Amino acid sequence: MSGAQPSTSAVVLRSAAWSPGIETTEELDAWTAAPHALQQEGHPDAKFLPAMLRRRCKPLTRIMLTAAYACCPQEELSQVRTVFTSRHGSINESIGLLHAIADSQRVSAATFSHTVHNAQAGLFSIAASNRQASSSIAASEDSFPAGFLEALTHLHRAPDDKVLLVTGDVPLAPTFASLIAEPQASYAVALLLGTTGHGPRVSLDIEPPAPAAEQPQWPAAFDFLRWLETDQPDLRIPTPARIWRLRRLATLTATGEA
């Protein structure tokens, strides 16, 4: 029988993030202590990837895989379930494809393969030799909390298996940028989640929408990291359709005791 029980909450076992200027644990700690708007330009070298695979990675993929590899222990990369979530994915790379279609030109199959929304999940599975269950989520402003919800469903189905949640985006190209009101940033956040282990236990609830709130200064996933370092009991992420409420239930020891 399974040693762990299905749960509507998750233990945050590890976390990692990448954004230009926030590339180390110390820089992330400094940001959570004094948060500020994230930078827009830049992406990591991702030298941990084989050169041939690295050349195939677009900026968003490099950013998300850098956070994923920093969050998940090396020995668990091939075994962890994954949830990748991004509001836009590698949509900027689709602009050239759209122009080619409009001009009745041939479309590059290689370029197209990197604009699909599960490109990051697919390249992670190749790099990490990971054949475990994986989901790719795009849910507009709800993308990060919807990814957290998806991770909870993985934990409910297989409570003994950890889940790696990776969320990220890059600034939209001018072709699309004027269509969306959001903080523009290059970033990724990765969370290693489980049902037992050492770390804060967090639950997720959904509440009715409230009157329109001010536009956030940074992505919701970074606000989640900031919140984890405070003593605030809950974090509300408002979106047009709902409020996502994350609550801190307890901090567990390695044996699962509060």
C-alpha atoms as a PDB file:
ATOM      1  CA  MET A   1       0.000   0.000   0.000  1.00  0.00           C
ATOM      2  CA  SER A   2       1.026   3.600  -0.477  1.00  0.00           C
ATOM      3  CA  GLY A   3       2.845   5.085   2.511  1.00  0.00           C
ATOM      4  CA  ALA A   4       1.457   8.577   1.900  1.00  0.00           C
ATOM      5  CA  GLN A   5      -2.176   9.575   1.673  1.00  0.00           C
ATOM      6  CA  PRO A   6      -3.847  11.688  -1.034  1.00  0.00           C
ATOM      7  CA  SER A   7      -3.960  15.339  -0.032  1.00  0.00           C
ATOM      8  CA  THR A   8      -5.405  18.688  -1.075  1.00  0.00           C
ATOM      9  CA  SER A   9      -2.200  20.368   0.078  1.00  0.00           C
ATOM     10  CA  ALA A  10       1.484  20.027  -0.730  1.00  0.00           C
ATOM     11  CA  VAL A  11       4.764  20.334   1.109  1.00  0.00           C
ATOM     12  CA  VAL A  12       7.183  22.711  -0.593  1.00  0.00           C
ATOM     13  CA  LEU A  13      10.353  20.639  -0.341  1.00  0.00           C
ATOM     14  CA  ARG A  14      12.622  22.879  -2.414  1.00  0.00           C
ATOM     15  CA  SER A  15      12.402  25.997  -4.542  1.00  0.00           C
ATOM     16  CA  ALA A  16      14.560  27.767  -7.104  1.00  0.00           C
ATOM     17  CA  ALA A  17      14.224  30.713  -9.441  1.00  0.00           C
ATOM     18  CA  TRP A  18      16.010  32.510 -12.242  1.00  0.00           C
ATOM     19  CA  SER A  19      15.670  36.021 -13.596  1.00  0.00           C
ATOM     20  CA  PRO A  20      18.340  38.416 -14.864  1.00  0.00           C
ATOM     21  CA  GLY A  21      20.195  39.587 -11.766  1.00  0.00           C
ATOM     22  CA  ILE A  22      18.564  36.883  -9.606  1.00  0.00           C
ATOM     23  CA  GLU A  23      20.709  33.912 -10.476  1.00  0.00           C
ATOM     24  CA  THR A  24      21.956  32.653  -7.098  1.00  0.00           C
ATOM     25  CA  THR A  25      20.361  31.696  -3.786  1.00  0.00           C
ATOM     26  CA  GLU A  26      21.816  34.811  -2.199  1.00  0.00           C
ATOM     27  CA  GLU A  27      20.358  37.056  -4.898  1.00  0.00           C
ATOM     28  CA  LEU A  28      16.960  35.386  -4.519  1.00  0.00           C
ATOM     29  CA  ASP A  29      17.084  35.855  -0.742  1.00  0.00           C
ATOM     30  CA  ALA A  30      17.881  39.528  -1.266  1.00  0.00           C
ATOM     31  CA  TRP A  31      14.927  39.881  -3.631  1.00  0.00           C
ATOM     32  CA  THR A  32      12.443  38.217  -1.253  1.00  0.00           C
ATOM     33  CA  ALA A  33      13.630  40.561   1.502  1.00  0.00           C
ATOM     34  CA  ALA A  34      13.241  43.640  -0.709  1.00  0.00           C
ATOM     35  CA  PRO A  35      11.184  42.730  -3.801  1.00  0.00           C
ATOM     36  CA  HIS A  36      11.288  44.883  -6.910  1.00  0.00           C
ATOM     37  CA  ALA A  37      10.267  44.667 -10.559  1.00  0.00           C
ATOM     38  CA  LEU A  38      12.124  41.935 -12.446  1.00  0.00           C
ATOM     39  CA  GLN A  39      14.346  42.650 -15.426  1.00  0.00           C
ATOM     40  CA  GLN A  40      13.185  41.903 -18.937  1.00  0.00           C
ATOM     41  CA  GLU A  41      16.307  41.080 -20.930  1.00  0.00           C
ATOM     42  CA  GLY A  42      18.596  38.099 -20.554  1.00  0.00           C
ATOM     43  CA  HIS A  43      18.695  34.329 -20.279  1.00  0.00           C
ATOM     44  CA  PRO A  44      21.125  31.820 -18.731  1.00  0.00           C
ATOM     45  CA  ASP A  45      23.834  29.873 -20.560  1.00  0.00           C
ATOM     46  CA  ALA A  46      22.329  26.560 -19.367  1.00  0.00           C
ATOM     47  CA  LYS A  47      25.728  24.882 -19.713  1.00  0.00           C
ATOM     48  CA  PHE A  48      24.458  21.893 -17.732  1.00  0.00           C
ATOM     49  CA  LEU A  49      22.698  20.808 -20.936  1.00  0.00           C
ATOM     50  CA  PRO A  50      24.530  18.929 -23.703  1.00  0.00           C
ATOM     51  CA  ALA A  51      25.697  21.367 -26.382  1.00  0.00           C
ATOM     52  CA  MET A  52      23.536  19.851 -29.123  1.00  0.00           C
ATOM     53  CA  LEU A  53      20.406  20.072 -26.984  1.00  0.00           C
ATOM     54  CA  ARG A  54      21.302  23.518 -25.677  1.00  0.00           C
ATOM     55  CA  ARG A  55      21.415  24.895 -29.216  1.00  0.00           C
ATOM     56  CA  ARG A  56      17.798  23.794 -29.661  1.00  0.00           C
ATOM     57  CA  CYS A  57      16.601  25.660 -26.572  1.00  0.00           C
ATOM     58  CA  LYS A  58      14.909  29.023 -26.969  1.00  0.00           C
ATOM     59  CA  PRO A  59      15.366  31.650 -24.200  1.00  0.00           C
ATOM     60  CA  LEU A  60      12.276  30.553 -22.255  1.00  0.00           C
ATOM     61  CA  THR A  61      13.377  26.923 -22.328  1.00  0.00           C
ATOM     62  CA  ARG A  62      16.840  27.805 -21.027  1.00  0.00           C
ATOM     63  CA  ILE A  63      15.310  29.851 -18.221  1.00  0.00           C
ATOM     64  CA  MET A  64      12.767  27.210 -17.172  1.00  0.00           C
ATOM     65  CA  LEU A  65      15.213  24.302 -17.342  1.00  0.00           C
ATOM     66  CA  THR A  66      17.786  26.280 -15.342  1.00  0.00           C
ATOM     67  CA  ALA A  67      15.243  26.723 -12.538  1.00  0.00           C
ATOM     68  CA  ALA A  68      14.132  23.091 -12.804  1.00  0.00           C
ATOM     69  CA  TYR A  69      17.652  21.689 -12.542  1.00  0.00           C
ATOM     70  CA  ALA A  70      18.475  24.002  -9.630  1.00  0.00           C
ATOM     71  CA  CYS A  71      15.374  22.874  -7.754  1.00  0.00           C
ATOM     72  CA  CYS A  72      15.414  19.110  -8.251  1.00  0.00           C
ATOM     73  CA  PRO A  73      18.242  16.916  -6.903  1.00  0.00           C
ATOM     74  CA  GLN A  74      20.262  15.349  -9.714  1.00  0.00           C
ATOM     75  CA  GLU A  75      19.355  11.816  -8.700  1.00  0.00           C
ATOM     76  CA  GLU A  76      15.616  12.611  -8.899  1.00  0.00           C
ATOM     77  CA  LEU A  77      15.526  14.399 -12.273  1.00  0.00           C
ATOM     78  CA  SER A  78      14.640  11.265 -14.211  1.00  0.00           C
ATOM     79  CA  GLN A  79      11.962  10.096 -11.753  1.00  0.00           C
ATOM     80  CA  VAL A  80       9.989  13.187 -10.785  1.00  0.00           C
ATOM     81  CA  ARG A  81       6.595  13.996 -12.285  1.00  0.00           C
ATOM     82  CA  THR A  82       6.455  17.438 -13.856  1.00  0.00           C
ATOM     83  CA  VAL A  83       4.054  20.301 -14.437  1.00  0.00           C
ATOM     84  CA  PHE A  84       5.222  23.100 -16.734  1.00  0.00           C
ATOM     85  CA  THR A  85       3.138  26.243 -16.829  1.00  0.00           C
ATOM     86  CA  SER A  86       3.550  29.406 -18.878  1.00  0.00           C
ATOM     87  CA  ARG A  87       1.064  32.047 -19.918  1.00  0.00           C
ATOM     88  CA  HIS A  88       2.637  32.583 -23.327  1.00  0.00           C
ATOM     89  CA  GLY A  89       5.217  29.852 -23.874  1.00  0.00           C
ATOM     90  CA  SER A  90       7.616  30.513 -26.766  1.00  0.00           C
ATOM     91  CA  ILE A  91       5.017  32.529 -28.650  1.00  0.00           C
ATOM     92  CA  ASN A  92       7.558  35.109 -29.867  1.00  0.00           C
ATOM     93  CA  GLU A  93       9.152  32.455 -32.069  1.00  0.00           C
ATOM     94  CA  SER A  94       5.826  31.967 -33.845  1.00  0.00           C
ATOM     95  CA  ILE A  95       5.895  35.432 -35.424  1.00  0.00           C
ATOM     96  CA  GLY A  96       8.201  34.372 -38.251  1.00  0.00           C
ATOM     97  CA  LEU A  97       6.042  31.308 -38.857  1.00  0.00           C
ATOM     98  CA  LEU A  98       2.912  33.436 -39.125  1.00  0.00           C
ATOM     99  CA  HIS A  99       4.587  35.763 -41.616  1.00  0.00           C
ATOM    100  CA  ALA A 100       5.707  32.748 -43.657  1.00  0.00           C
ATOM    101  CA  ILE A 101       2.154  31.400 -43.755  1.00  0.00           C
ATOM    102  CA  ALA A 102       0.800  34.815 -44.751  1.00  0.00           C
ATOM    103  CA  ASP A 103       3.364  34.994 -47.570  1.00  0.00           C
ATOM    104  CA  SER A 104       2.648  31.407 -48.690  1.00  0.00           C
ATOM    105  CA  GLN A 105       6.199  30.401 -47.795  1.00  0.00           C
ATOM    106  CA  ARG A 106       7.390  27.098 -46.388  1.00  0.00           C
ATOM    107  CA  VAL A 107       7.199  26.814 -42.618  1.00  0.00           C
ATOM    108  CA  SER A 108      10.169  25.479 -40.675  1.00  0.00           C
ATOM    109  CA  ALA A 109       9.173  22.270 -38.900  1.00  0.00           C
ATOM    110  CA  ALA A 110      12.104  22.661 -36.483  1.00  0.00           C
ATOM    111  CA  THR A 111      11.022  26.181 -35.513  1.00  0.00           C
ATOM    112  CA  PHE A 112       7.412  25.080 -35.130  1.00  0.00           C
ATOM    113  CA  SER A 113       8.421  22.249 -32.777  1.00  0.00           C
ATOM    114  CA  HIS A 114       9.807  24.830 -30.345  1.00  0.00           C
ATOM    115  CA  THR A 115       6.716  27.045 -30.368  1.00  0.00           C
ATOM    116  CA  VAL A 116       4.270  24.394 -29.158  1.00  0.00           C
ATOM    117  CA  HIS A 117       3.285  24.881 -25.535  1.00  0.00           C
ATOM    118  CA  ASN A 118       4.811  21.645 -24.257  1.00  0.00           C
ATOM    119  CA  ALA A 119       8.221  22.377 -25.804  1.00  0.00           C
ATOM    120  CA  GLN A 120       9.817  23.004 -22.402  1.00  0.00           C
ATOM    121  CA  ALA A 121       8.361  19.815 -20.931  1.00  0.00           C
ATOM    122  CA  GLY A 122       9.523  17.828 -23.942  1.00  0.00           C
ATOM    123  CA  LEU A 123      13.080  19.139 -23.865  1.00  0.00           C
ATOM    124  CA  PHE A 124      13.260  18.573 -20.104  1.00  0.00           C
ATOM    125  CA  SER A 125      12.178  14.968 -20.596  1.00  0.00           C
ATOM    126  CA  ILE A 126      14.923  14.489 -23.193  1.00  0.00           C
ATOM    127  CA  ALA A 127      17.630  16.197 -21.134  1.00  0.00           C
ATOM    128  CA  ALA A 128      16.748  14.396 -17.898  1.00  0.00           C
ATOM    129  CA  SER A 129      15.789  11.045 -19.492  1.00  0.00           C
ATOM    130  CA  ASN A 130      12.470  11.492 -17.707  1.00  0.00           C
ATOM    131  CA  ARG A 131       9.519   9.353 -18.848  1.00  0.00           C
ATOM    132  CA  GLN A 132       7.225  10.154 -15.939  1.00  0.00           C
ATOM    133  CA  ALA A 133       3.799  11.780 -16.213  1.00  0.00           C
ATOM    134  CA  SER A 134       3.912  15.440 -17.270  1.00  0.00           C
ATOM    135  CA  SER A 135       1.431  18.262 -17.847  1.00  0.00           C
ATOM    136  CA  SER A 136       1.786  21.577 -19.676  1.00  0.00           C
ATOM    137  CA  ILE A 137      -0.580  24.357 -18.607  1.00  0.00           C
ATOM    138  CA  ALA A 138      -1.528  27.690 -20.197  1.00  0.00           C
ATOM    139  CA  ALA A 139      -4.251  29.505 -18.278  1.00  0.00           C
ATOM    140  CA  SER A 140      -3.787  33.226 -18.939  1.00  0.00           C
ATOM    141  CA  GLU A 141      -3.362  35.156 -15.658  1.00  0.00           C
ATOM    142  CA  ASP A 142      -4.203  31.977 -13.750  1.00  0.00           C
ATOM    143  CA  SER A 143      -1.265  30.003 -15.139  1.00  0.00           C
ATOM    144  CA  PHE A 144       0.866  29.716 -11.973  1.00  0.00           C
ATOM    145  CA  PRO A 145      -1.921  28.820  -9.501  1.00  0.00           C
ATOM    146  CA  ALA A 146      -3.523  26.548 -12.105  1.00  0.00           C
ATOM    147  CA  GLY A 147      -0.167  24.785 -12.330  1.00  0.00           C
ATOM    148  CA  PHE A 148      -0.136  24.421  -8.547  1.00  0.00           C
ATOM    149  CA  LEU A 149      -3.618  22.904  -8.741  1.00  0.00           C
ATOM    150  CA  GLU A 150      -2.445  20.503 -11.445  1.00  0.00           C
ATOM    151  CA  ALA A 151       0.484  19.486  -9.235  1.00  0.00           C
ATOM    152  CA  LEU A 152      -1.977  18.718  -6.436  1.00  0.00           C
ATOM    153  CA  THR A 153      -3.875  16.386  -8.761  1.00  0.00           C
ATOM    154  CA  HIS A 154      -0.622  14.523  -9.484  1.00  0.00           C
ATOM    155  CA  LEU A 155       0.018  14.191  -5.746  1.00  0.00           C
ATOM    156  CA  HIS A 156      -3.536  12.996  -5.188  1.00  0.00           C
ATOM    157  CA  ARG A 157      -3.143  10.323  -7.852  1.00  0.00           C
ATOM    158  CA  ALA A 158       0.353   9.214  -6.791  1.00  0.00           C
ATOM    159  CA  PRO A 159       1.025  10.507  -3.245  1.00  0.00           C
ATOM    160  CA  ASP A 160       4.374   8.719  -2.976  1.00  0.00           C
ATOM    161  CA  ASP A 161       5.758  10.551  -6.024  1.00  0.00           C
ATOM    162  CA  LYS A 162       7.130  14.084  -5.926  1.00  0.00           C
ATOM    163  CA  VAL A 163       6.072  16.696  -8.480  1.00  0.00           C
ATOM    164  CA  LEU A 164       8.289  19.370  -9.997  1.00  0.00           C
ATOM    165  CA  LEU A 165       6.274  22.495 -10.836  1.00  0.00           C
ATOM    166  CA  VAL A 166       8.046  24.899 -13.199  1.00  0.00           C
ATOM    167  CA  THR A 167       6.536  28.209 -14.289  1.00  0.00           C
ATOM    168  CA  GLY A 168       8.013  30.977 -16.404  1.00  0.00           C
ATOM    169  CA  ASP A 169       7.641  33.513 -19.184  1.00  0.00           C
ATOM    170  CA  VAL A 170       9.625  36.034 -21.205  1.00  0.00           C
ATOM    171  CA  PRO A 171       8.496  39.494 -22.354  1.00  0.00           C
ATOM    172  CA  LEU A 172       6.222  39.496 -25.359  1.00  0.00           C
ATOM    173  CA  ALA A 173       7.546  40.835 -28.652  1.00  0.00           C
ATOM    174  CA  PRO A 174       6.025  44.179 -29.761  1.00  0.00           C
ATOM    175  CA  THR A 175       3.697  42.267 -32.089  1.00  0.00           C
ATOM    176  CA  PHE A 176       1.813  40.949 -29.049  1.00  0.00           C
ATOM    177  CA  ALA A 177       2.887  43.152 -26.124  1.00  0.00           C
ATOM    178  CA  SER A 178       0.241  45.833 -26.638  1.00  0.00           C
ATOM    179  CA  LEU A 179      -2.518  43.213 -26.352  1.00  0.00           C
ATOM    180  CA  ILE A 180      -1.714  42.191 -22.779  1.00  0.00           C
ATOM    181  CA  ALA A 181      -1.422  44.211 -19.570  1.00  0.00           C
ATOM    182  CA  GLU A 182       1.041  42.444 -17.281  1.00  0.00           C
ATOM    183  CA  PRO A 183       4.476  42.912 -15.719  1.00  0.00           C
ATOM    184  CA  GLN A 184       7.014  42.165 -18.445  1.00  0.00           C
ATOM    185  CA  ALA A 185       9.847  39.972 -17.168  1.00  0.00           C
ATOM    186  CA  SER A 186      12.149  37.104 -18.037  1.00  0.00           C
ATOM    187  CA  TYR A 187      11.811  34.582 -15.233  1.00  0.00           C
ATOM    188  CA  ALA A 188      11.178  31.059 -14.055  1.00  0.00           C
ATOM    189  CA  VAL A 189      10.301  29.560 -10.683  1.00  0.00           C
ATOM    190  CA  ALA A 190      10.522  25.868  -9.817  1.00  0.00           C
ATOM    191  CA  LEU A 191       8.946  24.136  -6.816  1.00  0.00           C
ATOM    192  CA  LEU A 192       9.564  20.549  -5.741  1.00  0.00           C
ATOM    193  CA  LEU A 193       6.334  19.397  -4.085  1.00  0.00           C
ATOM    194  CA  GLY A 194       5.446  16.292  -2.110  1.00  0.00           C
ATOM    195  CA  THR A 195       2.962  14.948   0.426  1.00  0.00           C
ATOM    196  CA  THR A 196       5.558  14.433   3.166  1.00  0.00           C
ATOM    197  CA  GLY A 197       8.998  15.805   3.977  1.00  0.00           C
ATOM    198  CA  HIS A 198      10.541  18.924   5.464  1.00  0.00           C
ATOM    199  CA  GLY A 199       9.073  22.264   4.436  1.00  0.00           C
ATOM    200  CA  PRO A 200       5.956  24.456   4.611  1.00  0.00           C
ATOM    201  CA  ARG A 201       2.680  22.705   3.841  1.00  0.00           C
ATOM    202  CA  VAL A 202       0.495  24.842   1.579  1.00  0.00           C
ATOM    203  CA  SER A 203      -3.146  24.374   0.609  1.00  0.00           C
ATOM    204  CA  LEU A 204      -5.029  25.956  -2.275  1.00  0.00           C
ATOM    205  CA  ASP A 205      -8.570  27.311  -2.297  1.00  0.00           C
ATOM    206  CA  ILE A 206     -10.555  29.155  -4.966  1.00  0.00           C
ATOM    207  CA  GLU A 207     -12.743  32.133  -4.042  1.00  0.00           C
ATOM    208  CA  PRO A 208     -15.113  34.384  -6.021  1.00  0.00           C
ATOM    209  CA  PRO A 209     -13.512  37.303  -7.851  1.00  0.00           C
ATOM    210  CA  ALA A 210     -13.160  40.652  -6.116  1.00  0.00           C
ATOM    211  CA  PRO A 211     -13.221  44.174  -7.564  1.00  0.00           C
ATOM    212  CA  ALA A 212     -10.363  44.782  -9.937  1.00  0.00           C
ATOM    213  CA  ALA A 213      -7.041  45.005  -8.129  1.00  0.00           C
ATOM    214  CA  GLU A 214      -3.925  46.914  -9.123  1.00  0.00           C
ATOM    215  CA  GLN A 215      -1.654  45.245 -11.637  1.00  0.00           C
ATOM    216  CA  PRO A 216       1.052  43.294  -9.788  1.00  0.00           C
ATOM    217  CA  GLN A 217       4.656  44.470 -10.039  1.00  0.00           C
ATOM    218  CA  TRP A 218       6.069  40.979 -10.481  1.00  0.00           C
ATOM    219  CA  PRO A 219       4.805  37.529 -11.509  1.00  0.00           C
ATOM    220  CA  ALA A 220       2.620  35.534  -9.118  1.00  0.00           C
ATOM    221  CA  ALA A 221       5.208  32.763  -8.760  1.00  0.00           C
ATOM    222  CA  PHE A 222       7.780  35.246  -7.470  1.00  0.00           C
ATOM    223  CA  ASP A 223       5.176  36.652  -5.084  1.00  0.00           C
ATOM    224  CA  PHE A 224       4.693  33.091  -3.821  1.00  0.00           C
ATOM    225  CA  LEU A 225       8.430  32.844  -3.058  1.00  0.00           C
ATOM    226  CA  ARG A 226       8.278  36.192  -1.265  1.00  0.00           C
ATOM    227  CA  TRP A 227       5.279  35.040   0.761  1.00  0.00           C
ATOM    228  CA  LEU A 228       7.009  31.819   1.845  1.00  0.00           C
ATOM    229  CA  GLU A 229       9.636  33.926   3.611  1.00  0.00           C
ATOM    230  CA  THR A 230       7.064  35.895   5.620  1.00  0.00           C
ATOM    231  CA  ASP A 231       4.812  35.001   8.542  1.00  0.00           C
ATOM    232  CA  GLN A 232       1.659  35.909   6.615  1.00  0.00           C
ATOM    233  CA  PRO A 233      -0.882  33.053   6.913  1.00  0.00           C
ATOM    234  CA  ASP A 234      -2.157  33.273   3.359  1.00  0.00           C
ATOM    235  CA  LEU A 235      -1.465  34.665  -0.085  1.00  0.00           C
ATOM    236  CA  ARG A 236      -4.258  35.779  -2.389  1.00  0.00           C
ATOM    237  CA  ILE A 237      -3.633  35.848  -6.138  1.00  0.00           C
ATOM    238  CA  PRO A 238      -6.513  37.777  -7.772  1.00  0.00           C
ATOM    239  CA  THR A 239      -7.346  37.216 -11.426  1.00  0.00           C
ATOM    240  CA  PRO A 240     -10.366  38.397 -13.438  1.00  0.00           C
ATOM    241  CA  ALA A 241     -12.301  35.152 -12.925  1.00  0.00           C
ATOM    242  CA  ARG A 242     -11.365  34.187  -9.340  1.00  0.00           C
ATOM    243  CA  ILE A 243      -9.093  34.596  -6.350  1.00  0.00           C
ATOM    244  CA  TRP A 244      -6.583  31.838  -5.662  1.00  0.00           C
ATOM    245  CA  ARG A 245      -5.930  31.583  -1.929  1.00  0.00           C
ATOM    246  CA  LEU A 246      -2.802  29.775  -0.787  1.00  0.00           C
ATOM    247  CA  ARG A 247      -2.658  29.018   2.933  1.00  0.00           C
ATOM    248  CA  ARG A 248       0.273  27.959   5.069  1.00  0.00           C
ATOM    249  CA  LEU A 249      -0.908  25.001   7.165  1.00  0.00           C
ATOM    250  CA  ALA A 250       2.296  23.950   8.936  1.00  0.00           C
ATOM    251  CA  THR A 251       5.989  23.364   8.504  1.00  0.00           C
ATOM    252  CA  LEU A 252       6.726  19.656   8.505  1.00  0.00           C
ATOM    253  CA  THR A 253       9.792  17.780   9.646  1.00  0.00           C
ATOM    254  CA  ALA A 254      11.451  15.125   7.516  1.00  0.00           C
ATOM    255  CA  THR A 255       9.159  12.518   9.129  1.00  0.00           C
ATOM    256  CA  GLY A 256       6.016  14.437   8.228  1.00  0.00           C
ATOM    257  CA  GLU A 257       5.269  15.701  11.761  1.00  0.00           C
ATOM    258  CA  ALA A 258       4.199  19.307  12.331  1.00  0.00           C
END
